[in-house]
Amino acid sequence: MQTILGSGGAIGIELAKALKDYTTDIRLVSRNPQKVNDTDKLFSADLLDRTKVFEAVQGSSIVYVTVGFPYNLKVWQQNWPKFIKYVIDACIEYKCKLVFFDNIYMYDLNYLNGMNEETPINPPSKKGKIRAEVAAMIMDKVKEGQLEALIARSADFYGPNIKNSSMLTEMAFKPLSNGKKANWLASLNFKHSFTYTPDAAKATALLGNSAKAFNQVWHLPTASNPFTGKEWIETIAKEMEVKPGIQVASRLIVKIMGLFIPIMREMPEMMYQYDRDYVFNSDKFDSHFSFRTTPYLEGIKEIVSSDY
């Protein structure tokens, strides 16, 4: 049994599709799970309930964590450490492997241009400190020999059929498709990597089913030579055959928007990712596995032709 905790999000759905290449014994866990493959087994659970987490994990050989708690600092502080402890304890109890789908919030902001698995951990944001904490919880148990686990890290992601969980979808694809200007944060002039969600899911499934991949951190395959903010918007607009209208939100504007839009209150501390080159390196993965990473233009074409 391979189990996905948080199966209803953008990554969880794509991961379920990818896992069918390895097994037909897949358990999908969320509050309201829905089948992705005909043979999927569904398990409804509140993943902040320790008993339910243990029930969801029991009988699994591999557990994938693709949970996405609401993008709110207080929610993250309350939920992430507690949830990860439950998962770690359950995986140790039932002797199953753990695959944690992670982001790069814990990395030092001075090393984002070419970041790889060795990039210094020095979180510049409160959300980053939480991500660093939960990643350390996992790897500490690995070092102690109690847990077999891996961390699969993604850059910001983009992909088809994503609902409200991709900055690129919200900032560019949706407004441009509605005849409005695209939005960008801080500056248009810096490169910004995005990981394509089908690639991220296929690679996560591959890692989970590769014994040699465990007990280490992996960057998921991401196209090299990313566009600048301006180039992203212009390229997307060209594929949509619309004008590449752009408006840039400064830190002050974002703070003002936060007075009226709750999600924007969470953004000022994360804007450092847009005021410098943000270039994600996945050479380690590329050197160990044969994998075709989707080029950016191809990914954009797929999204434009999908329901975003």
C-alpha atoms as a PDB file:
ATOM      1  CA  MET A   1       0.000   0.000   0.000  1.00  0.00           C
ATOM      2  CA  GLN A   2       1.278   3.468  -0.942  1.00  0.00           C
ATOM      3  CA  THR A   3      -0.579   6.251   0.855  1.00  0.00           C
ATOM      4  CA  ILE A   4      -0.927   9.960   0.050  1.00  0.00           C
ATOM      5  CA  LEU A   5      -1.705  12.226   2.997  1.00  0.00           C
ATOM      6  CA  GLY A   6      -3.280  15.345   1.524  1.00  0.00           C
ATOM      7  CA  SER A   7      -4.465  13.745  -1.693  1.00  0.00           C
ATOM      8  CA  GLY A   8      -6.806  16.468  -2.910  1.00  0.00           C
ATOM      9  CA  GLY A   9      -4.322  19.225  -3.770  1.00  0.00           C
ATOM     10  CA  ALA A  10      -2.468  19.985  -6.972  1.00  0.00           C
ATOM     11  CA  ILE A  11       0.475  17.725  -6.124  1.00  0.00           C
ATOM     12  CA  GLY A  12      -1.575  14.987  -4.459  1.00  0.00           C
ATOM     13  CA  ILE A  13      -3.768  14.506  -7.524  1.00  0.00           C
ATOM     14  CA  GLU A  14      -0.824  14.395  -9.935  1.00  0.00           C
ATOM     15  CA  LEU A  15       1.038  12.053  -7.576  1.00  0.00           C
ATOM     16  CA  ALA A  16      -1.870   9.603  -7.550  1.00  0.00           C
ATOM     17  CA  LYS A  17      -1.743   9.545 -11.356  1.00  0.00           C
ATOM     18  CA  ALA A  18       2.013   8.932 -11.290  1.00  0.00           C
ATOM     19  CA  LEU A  19       1.919   6.163  -8.688  1.00  0.00           C
ATOM     20  CA  LYS A  20      -0.228   3.922 -10.863  1.00  0.00           C
ATOM     21  CA  ASP A  21       2.967   3.159 -12.824  1.00  0.00           C
ATOM     22  CA  TYR A  22       4.290   1.452  -9.679  1.00  0.00           C
ATOM     23  CA  THR A  23       1.253   0.012  -7.894  1.00  0.00           C
ATOM     24  CA  THR A  24      -2.517  -0.347  -8.014  1.00  0.00           C
ATOM     25  CA  ASP A  25      -2.640  -0.368  -4.222  1.00  0.00           C
ATOM     26  CA  ILE A  26      -2.997   3.360  -3.502  1.00  0.00           C
ATOM     27  CA  ARG A  27      -4.739   4.949  -0.520  1.00  0.00           C
ATOM     28  CA  LEU A  28      -5.886   8.567  -0.798  1.00  0.00           C
ATOM     29  CA  VAL A  29      -6.315  10.425   2.471  1.00  0.00           C
ATOM     30  CA  SER A  30      -7.957  13.807   3.059  1.00  0.00           C
ATOM     31  CA  ARG A  31     -11.123  15.182   4.608  1.00  0.00           C
ATOM     32  CA  ASN A  32     -13.095  14.420   1.452  1.00  0.00           C
ATOM     33  CA  PRO A  33     -10.954  12.151  -0.740  1.00  0.00           C
ATOM     34  CA  GLN A  34     -11.955  11.457  -4.330  1.00  0.00           C
ATOM     35  CA  LYS A  35     -10.686   8.736  -6.629  1.00  0.00           C
ATOM     36  CA  VAL A  36      -8.064   9.647  -9.207  1.00  0.00           C
ATOM     37  CA  ASN A  37      -7.557   6.060 -10.421  1.00  0.00           C
ATOM     38  CA  ASP A  38     -10.336   3.456 -10.489  1.00  0.00           C
ATOM     39  CA  THR A  39      -8.525   1.220  -7.997  1.00  0.00           C
ATOM     40  CA  ASP A  40      -7.797   3.937  -5.413  1.00  0.00           C
ATOM     41  CA  LYS A  41      -8.861   3.280  -1.830  1.00  0.00           C
ATOM     42  CA  LEU A  42     -10.332   6.285  -0.043  1.00  0.00           C
ATOM     43  CA  PHE A  43      -9.825   7.166   3.625  1.00  0.00           C
ATOM     44  CA  SER A  44     -11.477  10.233   5.100  1.00  0.00           C
ATOM     45  CA  ALA A  45      -9.536  11.783   7.965  1.00  0.00           C
ATOM     46  CA  ASP A  46      -8.809  14.923   9.902  1.00  0.00           C
ATOM     47  CA  LEU A  47      -5.007  14.865   9.676  1.00  0.00           C
ATOM     48  CA  LEU A  48      -4.697  16.902  12.854  1.00  0.00           C
ATOM     49  CA  ASP A  49      -6.186  13.962  14.759  1.00  0.00           C
ATOM     50  CA  ARG A  50      -3.348  11.688  15.910  1.00  0.00           C
ATOM     51  CA  THR A  51      -5.551   8.591  15.950  1.00  0.00           C
ATOM     52  CA  LYS A  52      -6.730   9.228  12.377  1.00  0.00           C
ATOM     53  CA  VAL A  53      -3.170   9.764  11.165  1.00  0.00           C
ATOM     54  CA  PHE A  54      -2.162   6.411  12.644  1.00  0.00           C
ATOM     55  CA  GLU A  55      -5.162   4.725  11.033  1.00  0.00           C
ATOM     56  CA  ALA A  56      -4.336   6.327   7.684  1.00  0.00           C
ATOM     57  CA  VAL A  57      -0.695   5.218   7.817  1.00  0.00           C
ATOM     58  CA  GLN A  58      -1.261   1.669   9.107  1.00  0.00           C
ATOM     59  CA  GLY A  59      -0.631  -0.963   6.443  1.00  0.00           C
ATOM     60  CA  SER A  60       1.357   1.377   4.206  1.00  0.00           C
ATOM     61  CA  SER A  61       4.780   0.619   2.776  1.00  0.00           C
ATOM     62  CA  ILE A  62       5.340   4.233   1.688  1.00  0.00           C
ATOM     63  CA  VAL A  63       3.610   7.386   2.922  1.00  0.00           C
ATOM     64  CA  TYR A  64       3.719  10.591   0.867  1.00  0.00           C
ATOM     65  CA  VAL A  65       2.991  13.920   2.574  1.00  0.00           C
ATOM     66  CA  THR A  66       1.519  16.447   0.143  1.00  0.00           C
ATOM     67  CA  VAL A  67      -0.655  18.293   2.643  1.00  0.00           C
ATOM     68  CA  GLY A  68      -1.240  21.987   2.050  1.00  0.00           C
ATOM     69  CA  PHE A  69      -2.490  23.789   5.138  1.00  0.00           C
ATOM     70  CA  PRO A  70      -4.076  27.224   4.572  1.00  0.00           C
ATOM     71  CA  TYR A  71      -1.436  29.836   3.741  1.00  0.00           C
ATOM     72  CA  ASN A  72      -1.527  31.537   7.111  1.00  0.00           C
ATOM     73  CA  LEU A  73       1.319  31.889   9.600  1.00  0.00           C
ATOM     74  CA  LYS A  74      -0.721  31.113  12.705  1.00  0.00           C
ATOM     75  CA  VAL A  75      -2.232  28.050  11.046  1.00  0.00           C
ATOM     76  CA  TRP A  76       1.220  26.850  10.028  1.00  0.00           C
ATOM     77  CA  GLN A  77       2.627  27.401  13.528  1.00  0.00           C
ATOM     78  CA  GLN A  78      -0.236  25.452  15.081  1.00  0.00           C
ATOM     79  CA  ASN A  79      -0.522  22.660  12.534  1.00  0.00           C
ATOM     80  CA  TRP A  80       2.742  21.751  10.827  1.00  0.00           C
ATOM     81  CA  PRO A  81       4.912  20.583  13.768  1.00  0.00           C
ATOM     82  CA  LYS A  82       2.018  18.702  15.373  1.00  0.00           C
ATOM     83  CA  PHE A  83       1.026  16.998  12.126  1.00  0.00           C
ATOM     84  CA  ILE A  84       4.579  16.019  11.190  1.00  0.00           C
ATOM     85  CA  LYS A  85       5.154  14.525  14.640  1.00  0.00           C
ATOM     86  CA  TYR A  86       2.052  12.377  14.216  1.00  0.00           C
ATOM     87  CA  VAL A  87       3.239  11.207  10.788  1.00  0.00           C
ATOM     88  CA  ILE A  88       6.776  10.445  11.978  1.00  0.00           C
ATOM     89  CA  ASP A  89       5.487   8.521  14.982  1.00  0.00           C
ATOM     90  CA  ALA A  90       3.074   6.538  12.814  1.00  0.00           C
ATOM     91  CA  CYS A  91       5.715   5.696  10.212  1.00  0.00           C
ATOM     92  CA  ILE A  92       8.088   4.507  12.937  1.00  0.00           C
ATOM     93  CA  GLU A  93       5.321   2.486  14.606  1.00  0.00           C
ATOM     94  CA  TYR A  94       4.290   0.753  11.371  1.00  0.00           C
ATOM     95  CA  LYS A  95       7.785   0.620   9.818  1.00  0.00           C
ATOM     96  CA  CYS A  96       6.883   2.435   6.608  1.00  0.00           C
ATOM     97  CA  LYS A  97       8.936   4.822   4.506  1.00  0.00           C
ATOM     98  CA  LEU A  98       8.165   8.553   4.452  1.00  0.00           C
ATOM     99  CA  VAL A  99       8.356  10.908   1.457  1.00  0.00           C
ATOM    100  CA  PHE A 100       7.908  14.567   2.370  1.00  0.00           C
ATOM    101  CA  PHE A 101       7.049  17.037  -0.407  1.00  0.00           C
ATOM    102  CA  ASP A 102       8.755  20.282   0.603  1.00  0.00           C
ATOM    103  CA  ASN A 103       9.466  23.818  -0.592  1.00  0.00           C
ATOM    104  CA  ILE A 104      12.572  26.045  -0.335  1.00  0.00           C
ATOM    105  CA  TYR A 105      11.419  28.540   2.293  1.00  0.00           C
ATOM    106  CA  MET A 106      14.180  27.461   4.698  1.00  0.00           C
ATOM    107  CA  TYR A 107      17.053  28.480   2.402  1.00  0.00           C
ATOM    108  CA  ASP A 108      19.262  31.505   3.064  1.00  0.00           C
ATOM    109  CA  LEU A 109      18.021  34.397   0.919  1.00  0.00           C
ATOM    110  CA  ASN A 110      21.580  35.160  -0.186  1.00  0.00           C
ATOM    111  CA  TYR A 111      21.915  31.805  -1.957  1.00  0.00           C
ATOM    112  CA  LEU A 112      18.775  31.577  -4.082  1.00  0.00           C
ATOM    113  CA  ASN A 113      20.569  31.972  -7.415  1.00  0.00           C
ATOM    114  CA  GLY A 114      21.496  28.361  -8.166  1.00  0.00           C
ATOM    115  CA  MET A 115      20.091  26.848  -4.965  1.00  0.00           C
ATOM    116  CA  ASN A 116      20.671  23.118  -4.580  1.00  0.00           C
ATOM    117  CA  GLU A 117      20.484  20.479  -1.863  1.00  0.00           C
ATOM    118  CA  GLU A 118      23.553  21.962  -0.138  1.00  0.00           C
ATOM    119  CA  THR A 119      22.200  25.524   0.054  1.00  0.00           C
ATOM    120  CA  PRO A 120      22.566  26.893   3.617  1.00  0.00           C
ATOM    121  CA  ILE A 121      19.539  26.562   5.873  1.00  0.00           C
ATOM    122  CA  ASN A 122      18.877  30.027   7.289  1.00  0.00           C
ATOM    123  CA  PRO A 123      15.167  30.830   6.937  1.00  0.00           C
ATOM    124  CA  PRO A 124      14.507  34.537   6.314  1.00  0.00           C
ATOM    125  CA  SER A 125      10.794  34.320   7.127  1.00  0.00           C
ATOM    126  CA  LYS A 126       8.601  32.991   9.911  1.00  0.00           C
ATOM    127  CA  LYS A 127       7.046  30.506   7.489  1.00  0.00           C
ATOM    128  CA  GLY A 128      10.534  29.418   6.499  1.00  0.00           C
ATOM    129  CA  LYS A 129      11.411  28.731  10.127  1.00  0.00           C
ATOM    130  CA  ILE A 130       8.441  26.384  10.376  1.00  0.00           C
ATOM    131  CA  ARG A 131       9.495  24.522   7.223  1.00  0.00           C
ATOM    132  CA  ALA A 132      13.047  24.228   8.537  1.00  0.00           C
ATOM    133  CA  GLU A 133      11.719  22.876  11.827  1.00  0.00           C
ATOM    134  CA  VAL A 134       9.586  20.132  10.287  1.00  0.00           C
ATOM    135  CA  ALA A 135      12.314  19.102   7.819  1.00  0.00           C
ATOM    136  CA  ALA A 136      14.744  18.811  10.747  1.00  0.00           C
ATOM    137  CA  MET A 137      12.228  16.710  12.677  1.00  0.00           C
ATOM    138  CA  ILE A 138      12.213  14.206   9.827  1.00  0.00           C
ATOM    139  CA  MET A 139      15.939  14.117   9.143  1.00  0.00           C
ATOM    140  CA  ASP A 140      16.813  13.906  12.856  1.00  0.00           C
ATOM    141  CA  LYS A 141      14.878  10.637  13.050  1.00  0.00           C
ATOM    142  CA  VAL A 142      16.655   9.457   9.900  1.00  0.00           C
ATOM    143  CA  LYS A 143      20.042  10.199  11.481  1.00  0.00           C
ATOM    144  CA  GLU A 144      18.982   8.337  14.617  1.00  0.00           C
ATOM    145  CA  GLY A 145      18.190   5.295  12.473  1.00  0.00           C
ATOM    146  CA  GLN A 146      14.545   5.251  13.524  1.00  0.00           C
ATOM    147  CA  LEU A 147      13.015   6.340  10.214  1.00  0.00           C
ATOM    148  CA  GLU A 148      13.594   5.767   6.504  1.00  0.00           C
ATOM    149  CA  ALA A 149      12.591   8.970   4.737  1.00  0.00           C
ATOM    150  CA  LEU A 150      13.411  11.414   1.963  1.00  0.00           C
ATOM    151  CA  ILE A 151      12.603  15.063   1.351  1.00  0.00           C
ATOM    152  CA  ALA A 152      11.607  16.090  -2.168  1.00  0.00           C
ATOM    153  CA  ARG A 153      11.860  19.851  -2.651  1.00  0.00           C
ATOM    154  CA  SER A 154      10.174  21.899  -5.328  1.00  0.00           C
ATOM    155  CA  ALA A 155      10.519  25.486  -6.441  1.00  0.00           C
ATOM    156  CA  ASP A 156       7.314  27.508  -6.690  1.00  0.00           C
ATOM    157  CA  PHE A 157       5.174  25.353  -8.940  1.00  0.00           C
ATOM    158  CA  TYR A 158       2.958  25.822 -11.976  1.00  0.00           C
ATOM    159  CA  GLY A 159       0.850  23.416 -13.985  1.00  0.00           C
ATOM    160  CA  PRO A 160      -2.534  22.627 -15.551  1.00  0.00           C
ATOM    161  CA  ASN A 161      -5.746  22.392 -13.554  1.00  0.00           C
ATOM    162  CA  ILE A 162      -4.385  24.075 -10.422  1.00  0.00           C
ATOM    163  CA  LYS A 163      -6.958  25.757  -8.222  1.00  0.00           C
ATOM    164  CA  ASN A 164      -5.736  28.609  -5.992  1.00  0.00           C
ATOM    165  CA  SER A 165      -2.340  27.095  -5.112  1.00  0.00           C
ATOM    166  CA  SER A 166       0.024  28.511  -7.720  1.00  0.00           C
ATOM    167  CA  MET A 167       1.320  32.072  -7.581  1.00  0.00           C
ATOM    168  CA  LEU A 168       1.947  32.015 -11.334  1.00  0.00           C
ATOM    169  CA  THR A 169      -1.645  30.958 -12.019  1.00  0.00           C
ATOM    170  CA  GLU A 170      -3.010  33.683  -9.760  1.00  0.00           C
ATOM    171  CA  MET A 171      -0.593  36.411 -10.886  1.00  0.00           C
ATOM    172  CA  ALA A 172      -0.520  35.772 -14.627  1.00  0.00           C
ATOM    173  CA  PHE A 173      -2.663  33.059 -16.187  1.00  0.00           C
ATOM    174  CA  LYS A 174      -5.990  34.006 -14.578  1.00  0.00           C
ATOM    175  CA  PRO A 175      -5.860  37.816 -14.945  1.00  0.00           C
ATOM    176  CA  LEU A 176      -4.534  37.667 -18.515  1.00  0.00           C
ATOM    177  CA  SER A 177      -7.248  35.182 -19.498  1.00  0.00           C
ATOM    178  CA  ASN A 178      -9.845  37.580 -18.058  1.00  0.00           C
ATOM    179  CA  GLY A 179      -8.588  40.561 -20.026  1.00  0.00           C
ATOM    180  CA  LYS A 180      -6.819  42.101 -17.048  1.00  0.00           C
ATOM    181  CA  LYS A 181      -3.205  42.999 -16.373  1.00  0.00           C
ATOM    182  CA  ALA A 182      -0.898  40.361 -14.975  1.00  0.00           C
ATOM    183  CA  ASN A 183       0.597  40.996 -11.544  1.00  0.00           C
ATOM    184  CA  TRP A 184       4.127  40.492 -10.307  1.00  0.00           C
ATOM    185  CA  LEU A 185       5.836  41.143  -6.996  1.00  0.00           C
ATOM    186  CA  ALA A 186       8.791  43.461  -6.282  1.00  0.00           C
ATOM    187  CA  SER A 187      10.542  43.499  -9.674  1.00  0.00           C
ATOM    188  CA  LEU A 188      10.090  42.154 -13.198  1.00  0.00           C
ATOM    189  CA  ASN A 189      13.804  41.907 -13.874  1.00  0.00           C
ATOM    190  CA  PHE A 190      14.856  38.800 -11.956  1.00  0.00           C
ATOM    191  CA  LYS A 191      14.817  35.175 -13.060  1.00  0.00           C
ATOM    192  CA  HIS A 192      12.288  32.940 -11.297  1.00  0.00           C
ATOM    193  CA  SER A 193      12.177  29.144 -11.522  1.00  0.00           C
ATOM    194  CA  PHE A 194       8.906  27.239 -11.449  1.00  0.00           C
ATOM    195  CA  THR A 195       8.577  23.452 -11.163  1.00  0.00           C
ATOM    196  CA  TYR A 196       5.963  21.858 -13.431  1.00  0.00           C
ATOM    197  CA  THR A 197       3.464  19.932 -11.274  1.00  0.00           C
ATOM    198  CA  PRO A 198       3.234  16.768 -13.442  1.00  0.00           C
ATOM    199  CA  ASP A 199       7.064  16.602 -13.421  1.00  0.00           C
ATOM    200  CA  ALA A 200       7.166  17.114  -9.654  1.00  0.00           C
ATOM    201  CA  ALA A 201       4.641  14.332  -9.075  1.00  0.00           C
ATOM    202  CA  LYS A 202       6.255  11.838 -11.454  1.00  0.00           C
ATOM    203  CA  ALA A 203       9.655  12.488  -9.899  1.00  0.00           C
ATOM    204  CA  THR A 204       8.274  12.164  -6.364  1.00  0.00           C
ATOM    205  CA  ALA A 205       6.734   8.798  -7.276  1.00  0.00           C
ATOM    206  CA  LEU A 206      10.033   7.725  -8.826  1.00  0.00           C
ATOM    207  CA  LEU A 207      11.976   8.728  -5.718  1.00  0.00           C
ATOM    208  CA  GLY A 208       9.511   6.972  -3.431  1.00  0.00           C
ATOM    209  CA  ASN A 209       9.940   3.774  -5.393  1.00  0.00           C
ATOM    210  CA  SER A 210      13.758   3.956  -5.550  1.00  0.00           C
ATOM    211  CA  ALA A 211      15.463   2.398  -2.530  1.00  0.00           C
ATOM    212  CA  LYS A 212      18.657   4.360  -3.223  1.00  0.00           C
ATOM    213  CA  ALA A 213      16.821   7.681  -2.903  1.00  0.00           C
ATOM    214  CA  PHE A 214      16.010   7.477   0.789  1.00  0.00           C
ATOM    215  CA  ASN A 215      17.619   9.228   3.755  1.00  0.00           C
ATOM    216  CA  GLN A 216      18.550  12.327   1.774  1.00  0.00           C
ATOM    217  CA  VAL A 217      17.177  15.527   0.245  1.00  0.00           C
ATOM    218  CA  TRP A 218      16.340  15.824  -3.461  1.00  0.00           C
ATOM    219  CA  HIS A 219      15.478  18.802  -5.641  1.00  0.00           C
ATOM    220  CA  LEU A 220      12.724  17.812  -8.034  1.00  0.00           C
ATOM    221  CA  PRO A 221      13.430  18.199 -11.775  1.00  0.00           C
ATOM    222  CA  THR A 222      12.949  21.784 -12.882  1.00  0.00           C
ATOM    223  CA  ALA A 223      13.786  23.372 -16.225  1.00  0.00           C
ATOM    224  CA  SER A 224      16.972  25.420 -16.266  1.00  0.00           C
ATOM    225  CA  ASN A 225      17.384  29.003 -17.528  1.00  0.00           C
ATOM    226  CA  PRO A 226      14.104  30.361 -16.123  1.00  0.00           C
ATOM    227  CA  PHE A 227      12.402  33.467 -17.440  1.00  0.00           C
ATOM    228  CA  THR A 228      12.423  36.819 -15.686  1.00  0.00           C
ATOM    229  CA  GLY A 229       9.060  38.061 -14.400  1.00  0.00           C
ATOM    230  CA  LYS A 230       8.656  40.173 -17.515  1.00  0.00           C
ATOM    231  CA  GLU A 231       9.507  37.237 -19.776  1.00  0.00           C
ATOM    232  CA  TRP A 232       7.070  34.940 -17.973  1.00  0.00           C
ATOM    233  CA  ILE A 233       4.212  37.364 -18.493  1.00  0.00           C
ATOM    234  CA  GLU A 234       5.105  38.176 -22.087  1.00  0.00           C
ATOM    235  CA  THR A 235       5.435  34.491 -22.989  1.00  0.00           C
ATOM    236  CA  ILE A 236       2.136  33.549 -21.348  1.00  0.00           C
ATOM    237  CA  ALA A 237       0.352  36.477 -23.013  1.00  0.00           C
ATOM    238  CA  LYS A 238       1.777  35.497 -26.399  1.00  0.00           C
ATOM    239  CA  GLU A 239       0.429  31.959 -26.063  1.00  0.00           C
ATOM    240  CA  MET A 240      -2.959  33.361 -25.046  1.00  0.00           C
ATOM    241  CA  GLU A 241      -2.829  35.861 -27.904  1.00  0.00           C
ATOM    242  CA  VAL A 242      -3.541  38.760 -25.562  1.00  0.00           C
ATOM    243  CA  LYS A 243      -1.730  41.957 -24.627  1.00  0.00           C
ATOM    244  CA  PRO A 244       0.999  41.484 -21.988  1.00  0.00           C
ATOM    245  CA  GLY A 245      -0.333  44.080 -19.562  1.00  0.00           C
ATOM    246  CA  ILE A 246       1.677  44.161 -16.334  1.00  0.00           C
ATOM    247  CA  GLN A 247       1.421  45.804 -12.934  1.00  0.00           C
ATOM    248  CA  VAL A 248       4.095  45.422 -10.275  1.00  0.00           C
ATOM    249  CA  ALA A 249       3.221  45.403  -6.565  1.00  0.00           C
ATOM    250  CA  SER A 250       5.795  46.922  -4.243  1.00  0.00           C
ATOM    251  CA  ARG A 251       6.091  45.837  -0.619  1.00  0.00           C
ATOM    252  CA  LEU A 252       4.081  48.897   0.451  1.00  0.00           C
ATOM    253  CA  ILE A 253       1.282  48.139  -2.009  1.00  0.00           C
ATOM    254  CA  VAL A 254       1.161  44.520  -0.857  1.00  0.00           C
ATOM    255  CA  LYS A 255       0.868  45.647   2.767  1.00  0.00           C
ATOM    256  CA  ILE A 256      -2.004  47.988   1.842  1.00  0.00           C
ATOM    257  CA  MET A 257      -3.719  45.177  -0.102  1.00  0.00           C
ATOM    258  CA  GLY A 258      -3.365  43.024   3.003  1.00  0.00           C
ATOM    259  CA  LEU A 259      -5.734  45.345   4.851  1.00  0.00           C
ATOM    260  CA  PHE A 260      -8.511  44.111   2.564  1.00  0.00           C
ATOM    261  CA  ILE A 261      -7.317  40.741   1.219  1.00  0.00           C
ATOM    262  CA  PRO A 262      -6.294  38.216   3.919  1.00  0.00           C
ATOM    263  CA  ILE A 263      -3.929  36.181   1.716  1.00  0.00           C
ATOM    264  CA  MET A 264      -1.931  39.311   0.866  1.00  0.00           C
ATOM    265  CA  ARG A 265      -1.160  39.817   4.563  1.00  0.00           C
ATOM    266  CA  GLU A 266       1.010  36.730   4.270  1.00  0.00           C
ATOM    267  CA  MET A 267       3.067  37.974   1.339  1.00  0.00           C
ATOM    268  CA  PRO A 268       5.353  40.813   2.550  1.00  0.00           C
ATOM    269  CA  GLU A 269       7.755  38.441   4.343  1.00  0.00           C
ATOM    270  CA  MET A 270       7.991  36.293   1.203  1.00  0.00           C
ATOM    271  CA  MET A 271       8.747  39.071  -1.282  1.00  0.00           C
ATOM    272  CA  TYR A 272      12.487  38.499  -1.001  1.00  0.00           C
ATOM    273  CA  GLN A 273      11.907  35.647  -3.480  1.00  0.00           C
ATOM    274  CA  TYR A 274      11.032  38.218  -6.145  1.00  0.00           C
ATOM    275  CA  ASP A 275      13.630  40.937  -5.546  1.00  0.00           C
ATOM    276  CA  ARG A 276      16.568  38.733  -6.605  1.00  0.00           C
ATOM    277  CA  ASP A 277      17.242  35.843  -8.980  1.00  0.00           C
ATOM    278  CA  TYR A 278      15.436  32.710  -7.781  1.00  0.00           C
ATOM    279  CA  VAL A 279      17.051  29.879  -9.741  1.00  0.00           C
ATOM    280  CA  PHE A 280      16.430  26.262  -8.718  1.00  0.00           C
ATOM    281  CA  ASN A 281      19.048  23.607  -9.481  1.00  0.00           C
ATOM    282  CA  SER A 282      18.031  19.955  -9.893  1.00  0.00           C
ATOM    283  CA  ASP A 283      21.334  18.572 -11.239  1.00  0.00           C
ATOM    284  CA  LYS A 284      21.500  15.917  -8.508  1.00  0.00           C
ATOM    285  CA  PHE A 285      18.226  14.352  -9.627  1.00  0.00           C
ATOM    286  CA  ASP A 286      19.172  14.660 -13.299  1.00  0.00           C
ATOM    287  CA  SER A 287      22.465  12.859 -12.693  1.00  0.00           C
ATOM    288  CA  HIS A 288      20.811   9.907 -10.923  1.00  0.00           C
ATOM    289  CA  PHE A 289      17.658   9.346 -12.972  1.00  0.00           C
ATOM    290  CA  SER A 290      16.636   9.272 -16.606  1.00  0.00           C
ATOM    291  CA  PHE A 291      13.847  11.839 -16.720  1.00  0.00           C
ATOM    292  CA  ARG A 292      12.482  14.287 -19.273  1.00  0.00           C
ATOM    293  CA  THR A 293      11.889  17.677 -17.625  1.00  0.00           C
ATOM    294  CA  THR A 294       9.175  19.735 -19.289  1.00  0.00           C
ATOM    295  CA  PRO A 295      10.531  22.909 -20.967  1.00  0.00           C
ATOM    296  CA  TYR A 296       8.889  26.119 -19.810  1.00  0.00           C
ATOM    297  CA  LEU A 297       7.257  26.956 -23.142  1.00  0.00           C
ATOM    298  CA  GLU A 298       5.746  23.474 -23.361  1.00  0.00           C
ATOM    299  CA  GLY A 299       4.398  23.785 -19.816  1.00  0.00           C
ATOM    300  CA  ILE A 300       2.850  27.165 -20.614  1.00  0.00           C
ATOM    301  CA  LYS A 301       1.171  25.742 -23.739  1.00  0.00           C
ATOM    302  CA  GLU A 302      -0.305  22.881 -21.698  1.00  0.00           C
ATOM    303  CA  ILE A 303      -1.688  25.271 -19.086  1.00  0.00           C
ATOM    304  CA  VAL A 304      -3.193  27.619 -21.672  1.00  0.00           C
ATOM    305  CA  SER A 305      -5.034  24.673 -23.228  1.00  0.00           C
ATOM    306  CA  SER A 306      -6.268  23.437 -19.832  1.00  0.00           C
ATOM    307  CA  ASP A 307      -8.800  24.616 -17.263  1.00  0.00           C
ATOM    308  CA  TYR A 308      -6.709  26.877 -15.017  1.00  0.00           C
END
